[in-house]
Amino acid sequence: MNAEQIKALIESGLACAHCDVQGDGRHWYATVVSAAFAGKRLIARHQMVYATLGDRMKTDEVHALSMKTYTPAEWAQGGATHG
């Protein structure tokens, strides 16, 4: 998998105002901004992103994914402390 493929999976499963994925081929870092995160706790936000990847996390196609998740309002304010 490459960054563009992971980004496309996230964007196809979650309405994103912004999505950026970077990494080295095994360890990935994503910044995801979505209105769907409103009112959700950090764990729920991460689960929503992981769900877009389906079994790719289990089969090691995506070895590790760290992420920052924001609502559009949080993102507009320069980000919040959401991981």
C-alpha atoms as a PDB file:
ATOM      1  CA  MET A   1       0.000   0.000   0.000  1.00  0.00           C
ATOM      2  CA  ASN A   2       1.110   3.536  -0.585  1.00  0.00           C
ATOM      3  CA  ALA A   3      -0.029   6.849   0.901  1.00  0.00           C
ATOM      4  CA  GLU A   4      -2.409   7.642  -1.959  1.00  0.00           C
ATOM      5  CA  GLN A   5      -4.116   4.244  -1.683  1.00  0.00           C
ATOM      6  CA  ILE A   6      -4.598   4.617   2.069  1.00  0.00           C
ATOM      7  CA  LYS A   7      -5.889   8.168   1.615  1.00  0.00           C
ATOM      8  CA  ALA A   8      -8.340   6.970  -1.042  1.00  0.00           C
ATOM      9  CA  LEU A   9      -9.647   4.233   1.275  1.00  0.00           C
ATOM     10  CA  ILE A  10     -10.170   6.678   4.126  1.00  0.00           C
ATOM     11  CA  GLU A  11     -11.881   9.219   1.872  1.00  0.00           C
ATOM     12  CA  SER A  12     -14.116   6.584   0.280  1.00  0.00           C
ATOM     13  CA  GLY A  13     -15.392   5.437   3.665  1.00  0.00           C
ATOM     14  CA  LEU A  14     -15.539   8.740   5.519  1.00  0.00           C
ATOM     15  CA  ALA A  15     -16.605  12.182   4.340  1.00  0.00           C
ATOM     16  CA  CYS A  16     -13.418  14.168   4.846  1.00  0.00           C
ATOM     17  CA  ALA A  17     -12.901  17.908   4.713  1.00  0.00           C
ATOM     18  CA  HIS A  18      -9.149  17.181   4.739  1.00  0.00           C
ATOM     19  CA  CYS A  19      -7.105  14.000   4.666  1.00  0.00           C
ATOM     20  CA  ASP A  20      -3.328  13.705   4.521  1.00  0.00           C
ATOM     21  CA  VAL A  21      -1.392  10.434   4.750  1.00  0.00           C
ATOM     22  CA  GLN A  22       2.367  10.100   4.949  1.00  0.00           C
ATOM     23  CA  GLY A  23       4.680   7.253   5.861  1.00  0.00           C
ATOM     24  CA  ASP A  24       7.502   4.934   4.979  1.00  0.00           C
ATOM     25  CA  GLY A  25       5.609   1.983   3.551  1.00  0.00           C
ATOM     26  CA  ARG A  26       4.964   0.277   6.910  1.00  0.00           C
ATOM     27  CA  HIS A  27       4.311   3.063   9.409  1.00  0.00           C
ATOM     28  CA  TRP A  28       1.708   5.606   8.377  1.00  0.00           C
ATOM     29  CA  TYR A  29       0.622   8.958   9.793  1.00  0.00           C
ATOM     30  CA  ALA A  30      -2.772  10.412   8.912  1.00  0.00           C
ATOM     31  CA  THR A  31      -4.448  13.724   9.607  1.00  0.00           C
ATOM     32  CA  VAL A  32      -8.180  13.380   9.077  1.00  0.00           C
ATOM     33  CA  VAL A  33     -10.755  16.164   9.326  1.00  0.00           C
ATOM     34  CA  SER A  34     -14.408  15.137   9.200  1.00  0.00           C
ATOM     35  CA  ALA A  35     -17.714  16.528  10.392  1.00  0.00           C
ATOM     36  CA  ALA A  36     -18.585  12.919  11.283  1.00  0.00           C
ATOM     37  CA  PHE A  37     -16.247  13.248  14.283  1.00  0.00           C
ATOM     38  CA  ALA A  38     -18.474  15.856  15.965  1.00  0.00           C
ATOM     39  CA  GLY A  39     -19.477  14.707  19.428  1.00  0.00           C
ATOM     40  CA  LYS A  40     -17.316  11.569  19.195  1.00  0.00           C
ATOM     41  CA  ARG A  41     -14.633  10.577  21.664  1.00  0.00           C
ATOM     42  CA  LEU A  42     -11.099   9.957  20.466  1.00  0.00           C
ATOM     43  CA  ILE A  43     -11.452   6.159  20.418  1.00  0.00           C
ATOM     44  CA  ALA A  44     -14.641   6.364  18.345  1.00  0.00           C
ATOM     45  CA  ARG A  45     -12.940   8.674  15.851  1.00  0.00           C
ATOM     46  CA  HIS A  46     -10.030   6.270  15.467  1.00  0.00           C
ATOM     47  CA  GLN A  47     -12.386   3.324  15.076  1.00  0.00           C
ATOM     48  CA  MET A  48     -14.181   5.187  12.296  1.00  0.00           C
ATOM     49  CA  VAL A  49     -10.898   5.672  10.421  1.00  0.00           C
ATOM     50  CA  TYR A  50      -9.775   2.079  11.020  1.00  0.00           C
ATOM     51  CA  ALA A  51     -13.129   0.864   9.691  1.00  0.00           C
ATOM     52  CA  THR A  52     -12.355   2.495   6.324  1.00  0.00           C
ATOM     53  CA  LEU A  53      -9.297   0.246   6.011  1.00  0.00           C
ATOM     54  CA  GLY A  54     -11.246  -2.950   6.605  1.00  0.00           C
ATOM     55  CA  ASP A  55      -9.085  -6.049   7.021  1.00  0.00           C
ATOM     56  CA  ARG A  56      -5.953  -4.318   5.767  1.00  0.00           C
ATOM     57  CA  MET A  57      -4.835  -3.688   9.353  1.00  0.00           C
ATOM     58  CA  LYS A  58      -5.353  -7.363  10.246  1.00  0.00           C
ATOM     59  CA  THR A  59      -3.566  -8.702   7.171  1.00  0.00           C
ATOM     60  CA  ASP A  60      -0.590  -6.358   7.703  1.00  0.00           C
ATOM     61  CA  GLU A  61      -1.132  -4.494   4.413  1.00  0.00           C
ATOM     62  CA  VAL A  62      -1.174  -1.462   6.710  1.00  0.00           C
ATOM     63  CA  HIS A  63       1.243  -2.341   9.490  1.00  0.00           C
ATOM     64  CA  ALA A  64       0.738   0.734  11.688  1.00  0.00           C
ATOM     65  CA  LEU A  65      -1.362   3.874  11.436  1.00  0.00           C
ATOM     66  CA  SER A  66      -1.025   6.836  13.776  1.00  0.00           C
ATOM     67  CA  MET A  67      -3.571   9.563  13.349  1.00  0.00           C
ATOM     68  CA  LYS A  68      -4.772  12.978  14.360  1.00  0.00           C
ATOM     69  CA  THR A  69      -8.515  13.443  14.024  1.00  0.00           C
ATOM     70  CA  TYR A  70     -10.350  16.762  13.998  1.00  0.00           C
ATOM     71  CA  THR A  71     -13.765  18.187  13.326  1.00  0.00           C
ATOM     72  CA  PRO A  72     -13.748  21.041  10.799  1.00  0.00           C
ATOM     73  CA  ALA A  73     -14.192  23.546  13.658  1.00  0.00           C
ATOM     74  CA  GLU A  74     -11.215  22.102  15.567  1.00  0.00           C
ATOM     75  CA  TRP A  75      -9.129  22.127  12.385  1.00  0.00           C
ATOM     76  CA  ALA A  76     -10.089  25.768  11.680  1.00  0.00           C
ATOM     77  CA  GLN A  77      -8.883  26.706  15.148  1.00  0.00           C
ATOM     78  CA  GLY A  78      -5.468  25.238  14.397  1.00  0.00           C
ATOM     79  CA  GLY A  79      -6.232  21.755  15.658  1.00  0.00           C
ATOM     80  CA  ALA A  80      -7.051  20.525  19.088  1.00  0.00           C
ATOM     81  CA  THR A  81      -5.503  17.930  21.343  1.00  0.00           C
ATOM     82  CA  HIS A  82      -7.338  15.100  19.621  1.00  0.00           C
ATOM     83  CA  GLY A  83      -5.016  12.282  18.656  1.00  0.00           C
END
